[in-house]
């Protein structure tokens, strides 16, 4: 079981990961680590405004939101905060479905806000460029 993490900023995520290391490839907006339960599975998390965020707190990395490995046999659910692993409770299938739906709504709202925040002529120009490509 992995109880603590250190941050390693890399250009590319290595093929072989070390336990207790959170690898961040900022250029590609991705982080990776080994599942904290000890099953040895490589867990990748996309980074961005609608995905996960990684912060270096000085005590170690913090990853938000929680990481729920629902597709893995271990179904582990945890938070990495200040370099420490905090276990979160298991979710039912209904909770997982509701969580995925909430993520989709959050992503959609983010991108709708970005589009509607642009001036109408900027949107028109992008639309016209798309037609004539």
C-alpha atoms as a PDB file:
ATOM      1  CA  UNK A   1       0.000   0.000   0.000  1.00  0.00           C
ATOM      2  CA  UNK A   2       1.394   3.413  -0.975  1.00  0.00           C
ATOM      3  CA  UNK A   3       1.001   5.943   1.827  1.00  0.00           C
ATOM      4  CA  UNK A   4       2.987   8.930   0.545  1.00  0.00           C
ATOM      5  CA  UNK A   5       3.979  10.563  -2.730  1.00  0.00           C
ATOM      6  CA  UNK A   6       6.658  12.823  -4.067  1.00  0.00           C
ATOM      7  CA  UNK A   7       6.278  14.864  -7.241  1.00  0.00           C
ATOM      8  CA  UNK A   8       8.467  14.196 -10.262  1.00  0.00           C
ATOM      9  CA  UNK A   9       8.034  16.578 -13.199  1.00  0.00           C
ATOM     10  CA  UNK A  10       9.027  14.831 -16.420  1.00  0.00           C
ATOM     11  CA  UNK A  11       8.869  15.483 -20.142  1.00  0.00           C
ATOM     12  CA  UNK A  12       7.408  12.026 -20.801  1.00  0.00           C
ATOM     13  CA  UNK A  13       5.745   9.546 -18.463  1.00  0.00           C
ATOM     14  CA  UNK A  14       8.190   6.631 -18.066  1.00  0.00           C
ATOM     15  CA  UNK A  15       7.124   3.089 -18.966  1.00  0.00           C
ATOM     16  CA  UNK A  16       8.120   1.763 -15.543  1.00  0.00           C
ATOM     17  CA  UNK A  17       6.748   3.761 -12.607  1.00  0.00           C
ATOM     18  CA  UNK A  18       8.143   3.814  -9.093  1.00  0.00           C
ATOM     19  CA  UNK A  19       5.770   3.395  -6.134  1.00  0.00           C
ATOM     20  CA  UNK A  20       5.174   6.660  -4.285  1.00  0.00           C
ATOM     21  CA  UNK A  21       6.042   8.894  -7.227  1.00  0.00           C
ATOM     22  CA  UNK A  22       3.493  11.109  -8.977  1.00  0.00           C
ATOM     23  CA  UNK A  23       4.836  11.826 -12.460  1.00  0.00           C
ATOM     24  CA  UNK A  24       3.580  14.992 -14.161  1.00  0.00           C
ATOM     25  CA  UNK A  25       4.197  15.716 -17.853  1.00  0.00           C
ATOM     26  CA  UNK A  26       2.882  19.290 -17.977  1.00  0.00           C
ATOM     27  CA  UNK A  27       3.481  19.693 -21.712  1.00  0.00           C
ATOM     28  CA  UNK A  28       1.022  16.857 -22.349  1.00  0.00           C
ATOM     29  CA  UNK A  29      -1.346  17.697 -19.461  1.00  0.00           C
ATOM     30  CA  UNK A  30      -1.117  14.263 -17.862  1.00  0.00           C
ATOM     31  CA  UNK A  31      -0.101  12.736 -14.551  1.00  0.00           C
ATOM     32  CA  UNK A  32       0.591   9.092 -13.732  1.00  0.00           C
ATOM     33  CA  UNK A  33       1.275   6.964 -10.671  1.00  0.00           C
ATOM     34  CA  UNK A  34       0.899   3.413  -9.455  1.00  0.00           C
ATOM     35  CA  UNK A  35      -2.432   2.615  -7.806  1.00  0.00           C
ATOM     36  CA  UNK A  36      -2.104   3.146  -4.062  1.00  0.00           C
ATOM     37  CA  UNK A  37      -3.717  -0.196  -3.156  1.00  0.00           C
ATOM     38  CA  UNK A  38      -0.569  -1.991  -4.282  1.00  0.00           C
ATOM     39  CA  UNK A  39      -2.126  -3.803  -7.262  1.00  0.00           C
ATOM     40  CA  UNK A  40       0.614  -2.327  -9.487  1.00  0.00           C
ATOM     41  CA  UNK A  41      -1.744  -0.795 -12.049  1.00  0.00           C
ATOM     42  CA  UNK A  42      -0.595   2.389 -13.773  1.00  0.00           C
ATOM     43  CA  UNK A  43      -3.149   5.148 -13.134  1.00  0.00           C
ATOM     44  CA  UNK A  44      -3.158   8.088 -15.544  1.00  0.00           C
ATOM     45  CA  UNK A  45      -5.089  11.272 -14.946  1.00  0.00           C
ATOM     46  CA  UNK A  46      -5.552  13.975 -17.578  1.00  0.00           C
ATOM     47  CA  UNK A  47      -4.861  17.465 -16.259  1.00  0.00           C
ATOM     48  CA  UNK A  48      -6.841  20.589 -17.087  1.00  0.00           C
ATOM     49  CA  UNK A  49      -9.642  22.886 -16.010  1.00  0.00           C
ATOM     50  CA  UNK A  50     -12.274  20.167 -16.418  1.00  0.00           C
ATOM     51  CA  UNK A  51     -10.089  17.259 -15.307  1.00  0.00           C
ATOM     52  CA  UNK A  52      -7.644  16.753 -12.428  1.00  0.00           C
ATOM     53  CA  UNK A  53      -5.372  19.415 -11.007  1.00  0.00           C
ATOM     54  CA  UNK A  54      -1.974  18.842  -9.394  1.00  0.00           C
ATOM     55  CA  UNK A  55      -0.444  21.310  -6.967  1.00  0.00           C
ATOM     56  CA  UNK A  56       2.894  21.091  -5.177  1.00  0.00           C
ATOM     57  CA  UNK A  57       2.169  22.101  -1.595  1.00  0.00           C
ATOM     58  CA  UNK A  58       5.741  21.984  -0.329  1.00  0.00           C
ATOM     59  CA  UNK A  59       4.853  18.879   1.704  1.00  0.00           C
ATOM     60  CA  UNK A  60       4.180  16.888  -1.446  1.00  0.00           C
ATOM     61  CA  UNK A  61       1.699  16.836  -4.303  1.00  0.00           C
ATOM     62  CA  UNK A  62      -2.035  17.352  -3.986  1.00  0.00           C
ATOM     63  CA  UNK A  63      -4.357  15.935  -6.649  1.00  0.00           C
ATOM     64  CA  UNK A  64      -7.975  17.082  -6.914  1.00  0.00           C
ATOM     65  CA  UNK A  65     -10.577  15.756  -7.258  1.00  0.00           C
ATOM     66  CA  UNK A  66     -10.342  12.272  -5.759  1.00  0.00           C
ATOM     67  CA  UNK A  67      -9.174   9.349  -7.871  1.00  0.00           C
ATOM     68  CA  UNK A  68     -11.749   6.607  -8.275  1.00  0.00           C
ATOM     69  CA  UNK A  69     -10.433   3.555 -10.108  1.00  0.00           C
ATOM     70  CA  UNK A  70     -13.875   2.148 -10.839  1.00  0.00           C
ATOM     71  CA  UNK A  71     -12.734   0.336 -13.988  1.00  0.00           C
ATOM     72  CA  UNK A  72     -10.009  -1.590 -12.122  1.00  0.00           C
ATOM     73  CA  UNK A  73     -10.617  -4.835 -10.215  1.00  0.00           C
ATOM     74  CA  UNK A  74      -9.425  -3.158  -6.980  1.00  0.00           C
ATOM     75  CA  UNK A  75     -11.957  -0.276  -7.353  1.00  0.00           C
ATOM     76  CA  UNK A  76      -9.756   1.854  -5.093  1.00  0.00           C
ATOM     77  CA  UNK A  77     -10.860   5.398  -4.257  1.00  0.00           C
ATOM     78  CA  UNK A  78      -8.459   7.885  -2.684  1.00  0.00           C
ATOM     79  CA  UNK A  79      -7.170  11.428  -2.470  1.00  0.00           C
ATOM     80  CA  UNK A  80      -3.539  12.487  -2.646  1.00  0.00           C
ATOM     81  CA  UNK A  81      -3.109  15.563  -0.470  1.00  0.00           C
ATOM     82  CA  UNK A  82       0.121  17.119   0.739  1.00  0.00           C
ATOM     83  CA  UNK A  83       1.952  14.011  -0.424  1.00  0.00           C
ATOM     84  CA  UNK A  84      -0.195  11.699   1.731  1.00  0.00           C
ATOM     85  CA  UNK A  85      -2.760   9.138   0.632  1.00  0.00           C
ATOM     86  CA  UNK A  86      -6.199   9.465   2.189  1.00  0.00           C
ATOM     87  CA  UNK A  87      -8.603   6.635   1.515  1.00  0.00           C
ATOM     88  CA  UNK A  88     -12.092   7.602   0.411  1.00  0.00           C
ATOM     89  CA  UNK A  89     -15.098   5.355   0.729  1.00  0.00           C
ATOM     90  CA  UNK A  90     -16.183   2.874  -1.907  1.00  0.00           C
ATOM     91  CA  UNK A  91     -18.955   4.052  -4.194  1.00  0.00           C
ATOM     92  CA  UNK A  92     -21.982   2.097  -5.329  1.00  0.00           C
ATOM     93  CA  UNK A  93     -22.736   1.717  -9.043  1.00  0.00           C
ATOM     94  CA  UNK A  94     -25.396   4.448  -8.674  1.00  0.00           C
ATOM     95  CA  UNK A  95     -22.848   6.829  -7.096  1.00  0.00           C
ATOM     96  CA  UNK A  96     -20.336   6.110  -9.856  1.00  0.00           C
ATOM     97  CA  UNK A  97     -22.945   6.792 -12.542  1.00  0.00           C
ATOM     98  CA  UNK A  98     -24.029  10.015 -10.806  1.00  0.00           C
ATOM     99  CA  UNK A  99     -20.375  11.092 -10.486  1.00  0.00           C
ATOM    100  CA  UNK A 100     -19.710  10.478 -14.180  1.00  0.00           C
ATOM    101  CA  UNK A 101     -22.851  12.395 -15.137  1.00  0.00           C
ATOM    102  CA  UNK A 102     -21.809  15.312 -12.915  1.00  0.00           C
ATOM    103  CA  UNK A 103     -18.375  15.338 -14.590  1.00  0.00           C
ATOM    104  CA  UNK A 104     -19.981  15.464 -18.028  1.00  0.00           C
ATOM    105  CA  UNK A 105     -22.242  18.351 -16.968  1.00  0.00           C
ATOM    106  CA  UNK A 106     -19.273  20.230 -15.471  1.00  0.00           C
ATOM    107  CA  UNK A 107     -17.251  19.784 -18.684  1.00  0.00           C
ATOM    108  CA  UNK A 108     -20.161  20.860 -20.882  1.00  0.00           C
ATOM    109  CA  UNK A 109     -20.809  23.957 -18.743  1.00  0.00           C
ATOM    110  CA  UNK A 110     -17.117  24.882 -18.874  1.00  0.00           C
ATOM    111  CA  UNK A 111     -16.956  24.726 -22.675  1.00  0.00           C
ATOM    112  CA  UNK A 112     -20.311  26.432 -23.188  1.00  0.00           C
ATOM    113  CA  UNK A 113     -19.138  29.287 -20.963  1.00  0.00           C
ATOM    114  CA  UNK A 114     -15.933  29.581 -22.990  1.00  0.00           C
ATOM    115  CA  UNK A 115     -17.841  29.764 -26.289  1.00  0.00           C
ATOM    116  CA  UNK A 116     -20.462  32.200 -25.013  1.00  0.00           C
ATOM    117  CA  UNK A 117     -17.765  34.353 -23.453  1.00  0.00           C
ATOM    118  CA  UNK A 118     -16.300  35.080 -26.884  1.00  0.00           C
ATOM    119  CA  UNK A 119     -17.464  37.935 -29.009  1.00  0.00           C
ATOM    120  CA  UNK A 120     -19.908  36.937 -31.729  1.00  0.00           C
ATOM    121  CA  UNK A 121     -17.543  38.002 -34.523  1.00  0.00           C
ATOM    122  CA  UNK A 122     -14.762  35.803 -33.128  1.00  0.00           C
ATOM    123  CA  UNK A 123     -17.118  32.807 -33.180  1.00  0.00           C
ATOM    124  CA  UNK A 124     -18.219  33.726 -36.717  1.00  0.00           C
ATOM    125  CA  UNK A 125     -14.610  33.950 -37.899  1.00  0.00           C
ATOM    126  CA  UNK A 126     -13.779  30.520 -36.456  1.00  0.00           C
ATOM    127  CA  UNK A 127     -16.885  29.059 -38.032  1.00  0.00           C
ATOM    128  CA  UNK A 128     -16.010  30.538 -41.455  1.00  0.00           C
ATOM    129  CA  UNK A 129     -12.410  29.294 -41.237  1.00  0.00           C
ATOM    130  CA  UNK A 130     -13.756  25.825 -40.482  1.00  0.00           C
ATOM    131  CA  UNK A 131     -15.951  25.899 -43.600  1.00  0.00           C
ATOM    132  CA  UNK A 132     -13.180  26.941 -45.987  1.00  0.00           C
ATOM    133  CA  UNK A 133     -10.505  24.473 -44.816  1.00  0.00           C
END
